[in-house]
N, C-alpha and C. Protein backbone atom coordinates (compact mmCIF):
# COMPACT_ATOMS: atom_id res chain seq x y z
N MET A 1 115.16 85.46 107.89
CA MET A 1 114.05 86.33 107.55
C MET A 1 112.74 85.61 107.85
N LEU A 2 111.79 86.33 108.45
CA LEU A 2 110.50 85.75 108.78
C LEU A 2 109.64 85.66 107.53
N LYS A 3 108.99 84.52 107.38
CA LYS A 3 108.09 84.36 106.23
C LYS A 3 106.67 84.70 106.67
N LYS A 4 105.98 85.42 105.81
CA LYS A 4 104.58 85.74 106.06
C LYS A 4 103.70 84.69 105.42
N ASN A 5 102.68 84.28 106.14
CA ASN A 5 101.67 83.41 105.59
C ASN A 5 100.83 84.25 104.62
N VAL A 6 100.56 83.73 103.44
CA VAL A 6 99.82 84.49 102.43
C VAL A 6 98.43 84.87 102.92
N HIS A 7 97.83 84.03 103.76
CA HIS A 7 96.47 84.26 104.24
C HIS A 7 96.48 84.74 105.69
N SER A 8 97.42 85.58 106.02
CA SER A 8 97.51 86.05 107.40
C SER A 8 97.56 87.57 107.44
N LEU A 9 97.37 88.08 108.64
CA LEU A 9 97.48 89.51 108.88
C LEU A 9 98.45 89.70 110.02
N ARG A 10 99.46 90.50 109.80
CA ARG A 10 100.45 90.80 110.83
C ARG A 10 100.26 92.25 111.26
N ILE A 11 100.13 92.46 112.57
CA ILE A 11 99.84 93.78 113.11
C ILE A 11 100.79 94.09 114.26
N ILE A 12 101.14 95.35 114.38
CA ILE A 12 101.90 95.80 115.55
C ILE A 12 101.00 96.69 116.39
N GLY A 13 100.96 96.41 117.67
CA GLY A 13 100.26 97.26 118.63
C GLY A 13 101.29 98.13 119.31
N ILE A 14 100.96 99.39 119.52
CA ILE A 14 101.90 100.32 120.15
C ILE A 14 101.19 101.11 121.25
N ASP A 15 101.85 101.14 122.42
CA ASP A 15 101.41 101.97 123.54
C ASP A 15 102.46 103.07 123.70
N PRO A 16 102.19 104.27 123.18
CA PRO A 16 103.21 105.32 123.17
C PRO A 16 103.50 105.89 124.56
N GLY A 17 104.74 106.31 124.75
CA GLY A 17 105.15 106.99 125.97
C GLY A 17 106.36 107.85 125.65
N SER A 18 106.69 108.78 126.53
CA SER A 18 107.81 109.69 126.24
C SER A 18 109.16 109.04 126.45
N HIS A 19 109.26 108.08 127.37
CA HIS A 19 110.53 107.41 127.63
C HIS A 19 110.42 105.89 127.58
N ARG A 20 109.28 105.39 127.21
CA ARG A 20 109.09 103.95 127.02
C ARG A 20 107.87 103.77 126.12
N ALA A 21 108.02 102.94 125.11
CA ALA A 21 106.89 102.62 124.24
C ALA A 21 106.72 101.11 124.23
N GLY A 22 105.52 100.67 124.56
CA GLY A 22 105.23 99.24 124.48
C GLY A 22 104.93 98.86 123.05
N TYR A 23 105.32 97.64 122.68
CA TYR A 23 105.03 97.14 121.34
C TYR A 23 104.69 95.66 121.42
N ALA A 24 103.90 95.20 120.46
CA ALA A 24 103.58 93.78 120.34
C ALA A 24 103.24 93.50 118.89
N VAL A 25 103.81 92.44 118.34
CA VAL A 25 103.50 92.04 116.98
C VAL A 25 102.72 90.73 117.07
N LEU A 26 101.50 90.76 116.52
CA LEU A 26 100.64 89.58 116.48
C LEU A 26 100.39 89.21 115.04
N GLU A 27 100.13 87.93 114.82
CA GLU A 27 99.78 87.46 113.48
C GLU A 27 98.53 86.60 113.59
N LYS A 28 97.59 86.88 112.71
CA LYS A 28 96.35 86.10 112.65
C LYS A 28 96.33 85.34 111.35
N ALA A 29 96.27 84.02 111.46
CA ALA A 29 96.15 83.14 110.29
C ALA A 29 94.92 82.28 110.54
N SER A 30 93.95 82.36 109.64
CA SER A 30 92.64 81.74 109.84
C SER A 30 92.07 82.31 111.13
N SER A 31 91.79 81.47 112.12
CA SER A 31 91.25 81.99 113.37
C SER A 31 92.28 81.95 114.49
N LYS A 32 93.50 81.57 114.17
CA LYS A 32 94.55 81.46 115.19
C LYS A 32 95.35 82.76 115.26
N ILE A 33 95.52 83.26 116.48
CA ILE A 33 96.31 84.46 116.72
C ILE A 33 97.56 84.06 117.50
N GLN A 34 98.70 84.51 117.00
CA GLN A 34 99.98 84.17 117.62
C GLN A 34 100.74 85.46 117.96
N ILE A 35 101.33 85.49 119.14
CA ILE A 35 102.21 86.61 119.51
C ILE A 35 103.59 86.30 118.96
N LEU A 36 104.09 87.15 118.07
CA LEU A 36 105.42 86.95 117.49
C LEU A 36 106.50 87.56 118.37
N THR A 37 106.22 88.73 118.94
CA THR A 37 107.15 89.39 119.86
C THR A 37 106.39 90.46 120.62
N TYR A 38 106.91 90.83 121.77
CA TYR A 38 106.36 91.96 122.51
C TYR A 38 107.43 92.46 123.47
N GLY A 39 107.29 93.69 123.92
CA GLY A 39 108.26 94.26 124.85
C GLY A 39 108.12 95.77 124.89
N THR A 40 109.21 96.43 125.26
CA THR A 40 109.22 97.88 125.30
C THR A 40 110.50 98.41 124.67
N VAL A 41 110.37 99.56 124.04
CA VAL A 41 111.53 100.32 123.59
C VAL A 41 111.80 101.30 124.74
N GLU A 42 112.96 101.17 125.35
CA GLU A 42 113.29 101.96 126.54
C GLU A 42 114.25 103.10 126.20
N VAL A 43 113.99 104.25 126.78
CA VAL A 43 114.88 105.40 126.67
C VAL A 43 115.54 105.57 128.04
N PRO A 44 116.88 105.65 128.08
CA PRO A 44 117.55 105.82 129.38
C PRO A 44 117.04 107.05 130.14
N SER A 45 116.92 106.89 131.45
CA SER A 45 116.46 107.98 132.31
C SER A 45 117.35 109.21 132.12
N GLY A 46 116.72 110.36 132.05
CA GLY A 46 117.46 111.61 131.91
C GLY A 46 117.80 112.00 130.49
N THR A 47 117.42 111.16 129.52
CA THR A 47 117.70 111.49 128.12
C THR A 47 116.83 112.68 127.71
N PRO A 48 117.46 113.76 127.24
CA PRO A 48 116.68 114.94 126.88
C PRO A 48 115.96 114.76 125.54
N SER A 49 114.97 115.63 125.34
CA SER A 49 114.30 115.68 124.05
C SER A 49 115.15 116.56 123.15
N PRO A 50 115.33 116.27 121.91
CA PRO A 50 114.69 115.26 121.09
C PRO A 50 115.43 113.93 121.01
N GLU A 51 116.50 113.74 121.80
CA GLU A 51 117.22 112.47 121.74
C GLU A 51 116.31 111.29 122.09
N ASN A 52 115.42 111.50 123.07
CA ASN A 52 114.49 110.42 123.44
C ASN A 52 113.62 110.01 122.25
N LEU A 53 113.24 110.99 121.43
CA LEU A 53 112.41 110.70 120.26
C LEU A 53 113.18 109.90 119.22
N LEU A 54 114.46 110.22 119.06
CA LEU A 54 115.30 109.47 118.12
C LEU A 54 115.46 108.02 118.56
N ILE A 55 115.64 107.81 119.86
CA ILE A 55 115.78 106.44 120.38
C ILE A 55 114.50 105.65 120.17
N LEU A 56 113.35 106.26 120.46
CA LEU A 56 112.06 105.58 120.23
C LEU A 56 111.88 105.25 118.76
N ARG A 57 112.20 106.19 117.88
CA ARG A 57 112.05 105.97 116.44
C ARG A 57 112.95 104.84 115.97
N LYS A 58 114.20 104.84 116.40
CA LYS A 58 115.14 103.80 115.99
C LYS A 58 114.67 102.42 116.47
N GLY A 59 114.22 102.35 117.72
CA GLY A 59 113.74 101.07 118.25
C GLY A 59 112.54 100.55 117.48
N LEU A 60 111.58 101.44 117.19
CA LEU A 60 110.39 101.03 116.43
C LEU A 60 110.77 100.61 115.02
N THR A 61 111.66 101.35 114.40
CA THR A 61 112.08 101.03 113.03
C THR A 61 112.69 99.64 112.97
N GLU A 62 113.51 99.29 113.93
CA GLU A 62 114.13 97.95 113.96
C GLU A 62 113.07 96.85 114.05
N ILE A 63 112.06 97.06 114.88
CA ILE A 63 110.97 96.08 115.02
C ILE A 63 110.19 95.97 113.71
N LEU A 64 109.87 97.11 113.11
CA LEU A 64 109.10 97.12 111.86
C LEU A 64 109.87 96.44 110.74
N GLU A 65 111.17 96.68 110.65
CA GLU A 65 111.98 96.06 109.59
C GLU A 65 112.13 94.56 109.81
N THR A 66 112.14 94.12 111.05
CA THR A 66 112.26 92.69 111.35
C THR A 66 110.96 91.94 111.08
N PHE A 67 109.84 92.48 111.56
CA PHE A 67 108.57 91.73 111.52
C PHE A 67 107.64 92.14 110.38
N LYS A 68 107.86 93.27 109.77
CA LYS A 68 107.12 93.72 108.60
C LYS A 68 105.59 93.64 108.74
N PRO A 69 105.02 94.29 109.75
CA PRO A 69 103.55 94.29 109.85
C PRO A 69 102.94 95.16 108.75
N SER A 70 101.71 94.83 108.36
CA SER A 70 101.03 95.64 107.36
C SER A 70 100.08 96.65 108.00
N VAL A 71 99.78 96.44 109.29
CA VAL A 71 98.85 97.30 110.01
C VAL A 71 99.44 97.62 111.38
N ALA A 72 99.15 98.82 111.87
CA ALA A 72 99.54 99.21 113.22
C ALA A 72 98.30 99.68 113.97
N SER A 73 98.23 99.32 115.23
CA SER A 73 97.16 99.77 116.11
C SER A 73 97.82 100.57 117.23
N VAL A 74 97.66 101.89 117.17
CA VAL A 74 98.33 102.79 118.11
C VAL A 74 97.29 103.37 119.05
N GLU A 75 97.46 103.10 120.33
CA GLU A 75 96.49 103.57 121.32
C GLU A 75 96.31 105.08 121.22
N GLU A 76 95.05 105.50 121.10
CA GLU A 76 94.70 106.92 121.08
C GLU A 76 94.95 107.49 122.47
N MET A 77 95.42 108.71 122.54
CA MET A 77 95.78 109.30 123.82
C MET A 77 94.80 110.40 124.22
N PHE A 78 94.64 110.53 125.54
CA PHE A 78 93.95 111.69 126.08
C PHE A 78 94.47 111.92 127.49
N PHE A 79 94.65 113.17 127.84
CA PHE A 79 95.13 113.54 129.16
C PHE A 79 94.31 114.72 129.66
N ALA A 80 94.08 114.76 130.95
CA ALA A 80 93.37 115.89 131.51
C ALA A 80 94.18 116.58 132.61
N LYS A 81 95.18 115.91 133.18
CA LYS A 81 95.86 116.44 134.36
C LYS A 81 97.17 117.15 134.03
N ASN A 82 98.22 116.43 133.77
CA ASN A 82 99.56 117.00 133.65
C ASN A 82 99.86 117.36 132.20
N LYS A 83 99.83 118.65 131.90
CA LYS A 83 100.02 119.11 130.52
C LYS A 83 101.44 118.86 130.02
N LYS A 84 102.44 118.96 130.90
CA LYS A 84 103.83 118.74 130.48
C LYS A 84 104.03 117.28 130.07
N THR A 85 103.53 116.35 130.87
CA THR A 85 103.63 114.93 130.53
C THR A 85 102.86 114.64 129.25
N ALA A 86 101.67 115.20 129.14
CA ALA A 86 100.85 114.98 127.95
C ALA A 86 101.58 115.47 126.70
N SER A 87 102.20 116.62 126.79
CA SER A 87 102.93 117.17 125.65
C SER A 87 104.05 116.24 125.20
N ARG A 88 104.79 115.68 126.15
CA ARG A 88 105.89 114.77 125.81
C ARG A 88 105.38 113.47 125.19
N VAL A 89 104.29 112.96 125.72
CA VAL A 89 103.73 111.73 125.16
C VAL A 89 103.20 111.98 123.75
N PHE A 90 102.55 113.12 123.54
CA PHE A 90 102.05 113.45 122.20
C PHE A 90 103.20 113.62 121.21
N GLU A 91 104.32 114.19 121.65
CA GLU A 91 105.50 114.30 120.78
C GLU A 91 105.97 112.92 120.34
N SER A 92 106.11 112.01 121.29
CA SER A 92 106.60 110.67 120.94
C SER A 92 105.59 109.94 120.07
N ARG A 93 104.32 110.11 120.36
CA ARG A 93 103.27 109.48 119.55
C ARG A 93 103.35 109.98 118.11
N GLY A 94 103.57 111.28 117.94
CA GLY A 94 103.70 111.84 116.60
C GLY A 94 104.87 111.25 115.84
N VAL A 95 106.00 111.10 116.51
CA VAL A 95 107.18 110.50 115.86
C VAL A 95 106.89 109.06 115.47
N LEU A 96 106.22 108.31 116.35
CA LEU A 96 105.89 106.92 116.04
C LEU A 96 104.93 106.84 114.86
N LEU A 97 103.94 107.73 114.81
CA LEU A 97 102.98 107.74 113.70
C LEU A 97 103.66 108.09 112.38
N ILE A 98 104.57 109.04 112.40
CA ILE A 98 105.30 109.41 111.18
C ILE A 98 106.14 108.23 110.70
N THR A 99 106.78 107.54 111.62
CA THR A 99 107.60 106.37 111.26
C THR A 99 106.74 105.32 110.58
N LEU A 100 105.55 105.06 111.12
CA LEU A 100 104.64 104.08 110.51
C LEU A 100 104.19 104.55 109.12
N ALA A 101 103.84 105.82 109.01
CA ALA A 101 103.37 106.35 107.73
C ALA A 101 104.46 106.29 106.67
N GLU A 102 105.69 106.59 107.05
CA GLU A 102 106.80 106.53 106.10
C GLU A 102 107.03 105.12 105.56
N MET A 103 106.65 104.12 106.36
CA MET A 103 106.83 102.73 105.94
C MET A 103 105.55 102.16 105.32
N ASN A 104 104.58 103.05 105.02
CA ASN A 104 103.31 102.68 104.38
C ASN A 104 102.54 101.61 105.15
N ILE A 105 102.53 101.75 106.46
CA ILE A 105 101.79 100.83 107.32
C ILE A 105 100.46 101.48 107.67
N GLN A 106 99.38 100.76 107.43
CA GLN A 106 98.04 101.27 107.74
C GLN A 106 97.94 101.49 109.25
N ILE A 107 97.40 102.63 109.66
CA ILE A 107 97.34 102.99 111.07
C ILE A 107 95.89 103.00 111.56
N LEU A 108 95.65 102.26 112.64
CA LEU A 108 94.38 102.27 113.35
C LEU A 108 94.63 102.94 114.69
N GLU A 109 93.64 103.65 115.23
CA GLU A 109 93.83 104.37 116.48
C GLU A 109 92.67 104.13 117.43
N PRO A 110 92.62 102.95 118.05
CA PRO A 110 91.54 102.67 118.99
C PRO A 110 91.71 103.49 120.28
N THR A 111 90.59 103.86 120.87
CA THR A 111 90.64 104.56 122.16
C THR A 111 90.90 103.55 123.27
N VAL A 112 91.24 104.07 124.43
CA VAL A 112 91.48 103.20 125.59
C VAL A 112 90.22 102.39 125.90
N SER A 113 89.05 103.03 125.86
CA SER A 113 87.82 102.29 126.17
C SER A 113 87.50 101.24 125.10
N GLN A 114 87.83 101.50 123.84
CA GLN A 114 87.65 100.48 122.79
C GLN A 114 88.56 99.28 123.04
N ILE A 115 89.78 99.54 123.48
CA ILE A 115 90.71 98.45 123.77
C ILE A 115 90.22 97.64 124.95
N LYS A 116 89.76 98.32 125.99
CA LYS A 116 89.23 97.61 127.17
C LYS A 116 88.02 96.77 126.79
N LYS A 117 87.10 97.36 126.05
CA LYS A 117 85.88 96.64 125.65
C LYS A 117 86.20 95.50 124.69
N GLY A 118 87.15 95.71 123.78
CA GLY A 118 87.51 94.68 122.81
C GLY A 118 88.22 93.48 123.40
N THR A 119 88.83 93.65 124.57
CA THR A 119 89.52 92.53 125.21
C THR A 119 88.70 91.90 126.32
N THR A 120 87.94 92.72 127.06
CA THR A 120 87.22 92.19 128.23
C THR A 120 85.71 92.22 128.09
N GLY A 121 85.20 93.01 127.15
CA GLY A 121 83.76 93.19 127.03
C GLY A 121 83.26 94.39 127.83
N SER A 122 84.15 95.02 128.62
CA SER A 122 83.77 96.18 129.43
C SER A 122 84.72 97.34 129.14
N GLY A 123 84.15 98.48 128.84
CA GLY A 123 84.96 99.66 128.57
C GLY A 123 85.58 100.28 129.81
N THR A 124 85.27 99.71 130.99
CA THR A 124 85.82 100.24 132.24
C THR A 124 86.73 99.24 132.94
N ALA A 125 87.18 98.21 132.23
CA ALA A 125 88.04 97.18 132.83
C ALA A 125 89.35 97.77 133.31
N ASP A 126 89.92 97.14 134.36
CA ASP A 126 91.24 97.58 134.83
C ASP A 126 92.33 96.73 134.19
N LYS A 127 93.59 97.08 134.46
CA LYS A 127 94.72 96.39 133.82
C LYS A 127 94.77 94.91 134.17
N LYS A 128 94.42 94.55 135.39
CA LYS A 128 94.42 93.14 135.79
C LYS A 128 93.40 92.34 134.98
N GLN A 129 92.21 92.91 134.79
CA GLN A 129 91.18 92.24 133.99
C GLN A 129 91.61 92.09 132.53
N ILE A 130 92.29 93.10 132.01
CA ILE A 130 92.77 93.02 130.63
C ILE A 130 93.81 91.92 130.49
N ARG A 131 94.74 91.83 131.44
CA ARG A 131 95.76 90.76 131.41
C ARG A 131 95.10 89.38 131.43
N GLN A 132 94.14 89.20 132.32
CA GLN A 132 93.46 87.91 132.41
C GLN A 132 92.74 87.57 131.11
N ALA A 133 92.08 88.56 130.53
CA ALA A 133 91.37 88.34 129.27
C ALA A 133 92.34 87.97 128.16
N LEU A 134 93.47 88.68 128.08
CA LEU A 134 94.46 88.38 127.04
C LEU A 134 95.02 86.97 127.19
N LYS A 135 95.25 86.54 128.42
CA LYS A 135 95.75 85.18 128.64
C LYS A 135 94.76 84.16 128.08
N LEU A 136 93.47 84.39 128.32
CA LEU A 136 92.44 83.48 127.81
C LEU A 136 92.30 83.58 126.30
N LEU A 137 92.22 84.79 125.79
CA LEU A 137 92.00 85.00 124.35
C LEU A 137 93.16 84.49 123.49
N LEU A 138 94.38 84.65 124.00
CA LEU A 138 95.55 84.28 123.21
C LEU A 138 96.13 82.92 123.61
N GLY A 139 95.55 82.30 124.63
CA GLY A 139 96.00 80.97 125.03
C GLY A 139 97.40 80.93 125.59
N VAL A 140 97.77 81.97 126.33
CA VAL A 140 99.09 81.99 126.95
C VAL A 140 98.93 81.94 128.46
N ASP A 141 99.87 81.25 129.11
CA ASP A 141 99.80 81.15 130.57
C ASP A 141 100.41 82.37 131.25
N LEU A 142 101.51 82.83 130.71
CA LEU A 142 102.21 83.92 131.38
C LEU A 142 102.86 84.83 130.35
N LEU A 143 102.59 86.09 130.49
CA LEU A 143 103.30 87.10 129.70
C LEU A 143 104.06 87.95 130.69
N ALA A 144 105.37 87.98 130.58
CA ALA A 144 106.19 88.81 131.46
C ALA A 144 106.27 90.21 130.87
N GLY A 145 106.89 91.09 131.60
CA GLY A 145 107.14 92.40 131.04
C GLY A 145 106.35 93.52 131.68
N HIS A 146 106.62 94.69 131.21
CA HIS A 146 106.03 95.93 131.71
C HIS A 146 104.59 96.07 131.23
N ASP A 147 103.80 96.82 132.00
CA ASP A 147 102.40 97.08 131.62
C ASP A 147 102.28 97.65 130.21
N ASP A 148 103.26 98.45 129.79
CA ASP A 148 103.20 99.05 128.45
C ASP A 148 103.21 97.98 127.36
N SER A 149 103.94 96.88 127.59
CA SER A 149 103.95 95.82 126.58
C SER A 149 102.60 95.10 126.56
N TRP A 150 102.00 94.92 127.72
CA TRP A 150 100.65 94.32 127.77
C TRP A 150 99.63 95.21 127.08
N ASP A 151 99.75 96.51 127.32
CA ASP A 151 98.84 97.45 126.66
C ASP A 151 98.99 97.37 125.14
N ALA A 152 100.21 97.17 124.68
CA ALA A 152 100.45 97.04 123.24
C ALA A 152 99.86 95.74 122.70
N VAL A 153 99.95 94.64 123.48
CA VAL A 153 99.32 93.38 123.07
C VAL A 153 97.82 93.60 122.92
N ALA A 154 97.22 94.28 123.89
CA ALA A 154 95.78 94.56 123.84
C ALA A 154 95.42 95.43 122.63
N ALA A 155 96.23 96.45 122.36
CA ALA A 155 95.98 97.32 121.20
C ALA A 155 96.06 96.52 119.90
N ALA A 156 97.05 95.63 119.81
CA ALA A 156 97.19 94.80 118.60
C ALA A 156 96.00 93.86 118.46
N TYR A 157 95.59 93.24 119.56
CA TYR A 157 94.45 92.31 119.52
C TYR A 157 93.19 93.02 119.01
N VAL A 158 92.91 94.19 119.57
CA VAL A 158 91.73 94.95 119.14
C VAL A 158 91.90 95.43 117.70
N GLY A 159 93.12 95.79 117.33
CA GLY A 159 93.39 96.20 115.95
C GLY A 159 93.10 95.11 114.95
N LEU A 160 93.34 93.85 115.34
CA LEU A 160 93.00 92.73 114.45
C LEU A 160 91.51 92.71 114.15
N SER A 161 90.70 92.95 115.17
CA SER A 161 89.24 93.00 114.97
C SER A 161 88.85 94.18 114.10
N MET A 162 89.45 95.34 114.37
CA MET A 162 89.13 96.54 113.60
C MET A 162 89.54 96.38 112.14
N SER A 163 90.69 95.77 111.90
CA SER A 163 91.20 95.66 110.53
C SER A 163 90.41 94.68 109.69
N SER A 164 89.67 93.78 110.33
CA SER A 164 88.85 92.84 109.56
C SER A 164 87.42 93.34 109.40
N SER A 165 87.15 94.54 109.89
CA SER A 165 85.81 95.12 109.77
C SER A 165 85.54 95.56 108.34
N PRO A 166 84.37 95.22 107.79
CA PRO A 166 84.02 95.67 106.44
C PRO A 166 83.97 97.20 106.34
N LEU A 167 83.63 97.88 107.43
CA LEU A 167 83.57 99.34 107.42
C LEU A 167 84.95 99.95 107.19
N LEU A 168 85.98 99.33 107.75
CA LEU A 168 87.34 99.83 107.55
C LEU A 168 87.75 99.68 106.09
N ARG A 169 87.39 98.57 105.47
CA ARG A 169 87.76 98.37 104.07
C ARG A 169 87.07 99.40 103.17
N ILE A 170 85.84 99.76 103.50
CA ILE A 170 85.12 100.77 102.72
C ILE A 170 85.78 102.13 102.88
N ARG A 171 86.16 102.47 104.13
CA ARG A 171 86.75 103.77 104.43
C ARG A 171 88.11 103.94 103.77
N ASN A 172 88.88 102.88 103.67
CA ASN A 172 90.24 102.97 103.11
C ASN A 172 90.18 102.69 101.68
């Protein structure tokens, strides 16, 4: 069983998708931020709905039960082009949010531009710039894996900043 530092904050970042959800669990103790785990919950190709939602929920639940974060940072979604894809992503996002709420995990929902700005200083940064910034900010040389897992690391990193904001404490 993982022990939590009494003076630390453990957060899960989530990048929702209909057949893959990126996740990353970070812990901040004093000023040090450590990546505890990251990756993707994968749904096999061709899995129909709602089975894909059950697989995503089960995968997230296993991560939450193992790492026990107190806060979640779930990337806010917006789509303008493909309504069918958007609908599927919103369905999976809803299932992930319900799972977090059922486990009494505080939910933060940064926008894509907030995540970009919080990691690189620019709200228009591309994925390569975000990866480079995360490597510097977290002191890691190489993070393997799918872009969705990197997006989740970025969401968690920005969530750490948001969760330590005095405005958030007043609102909650």
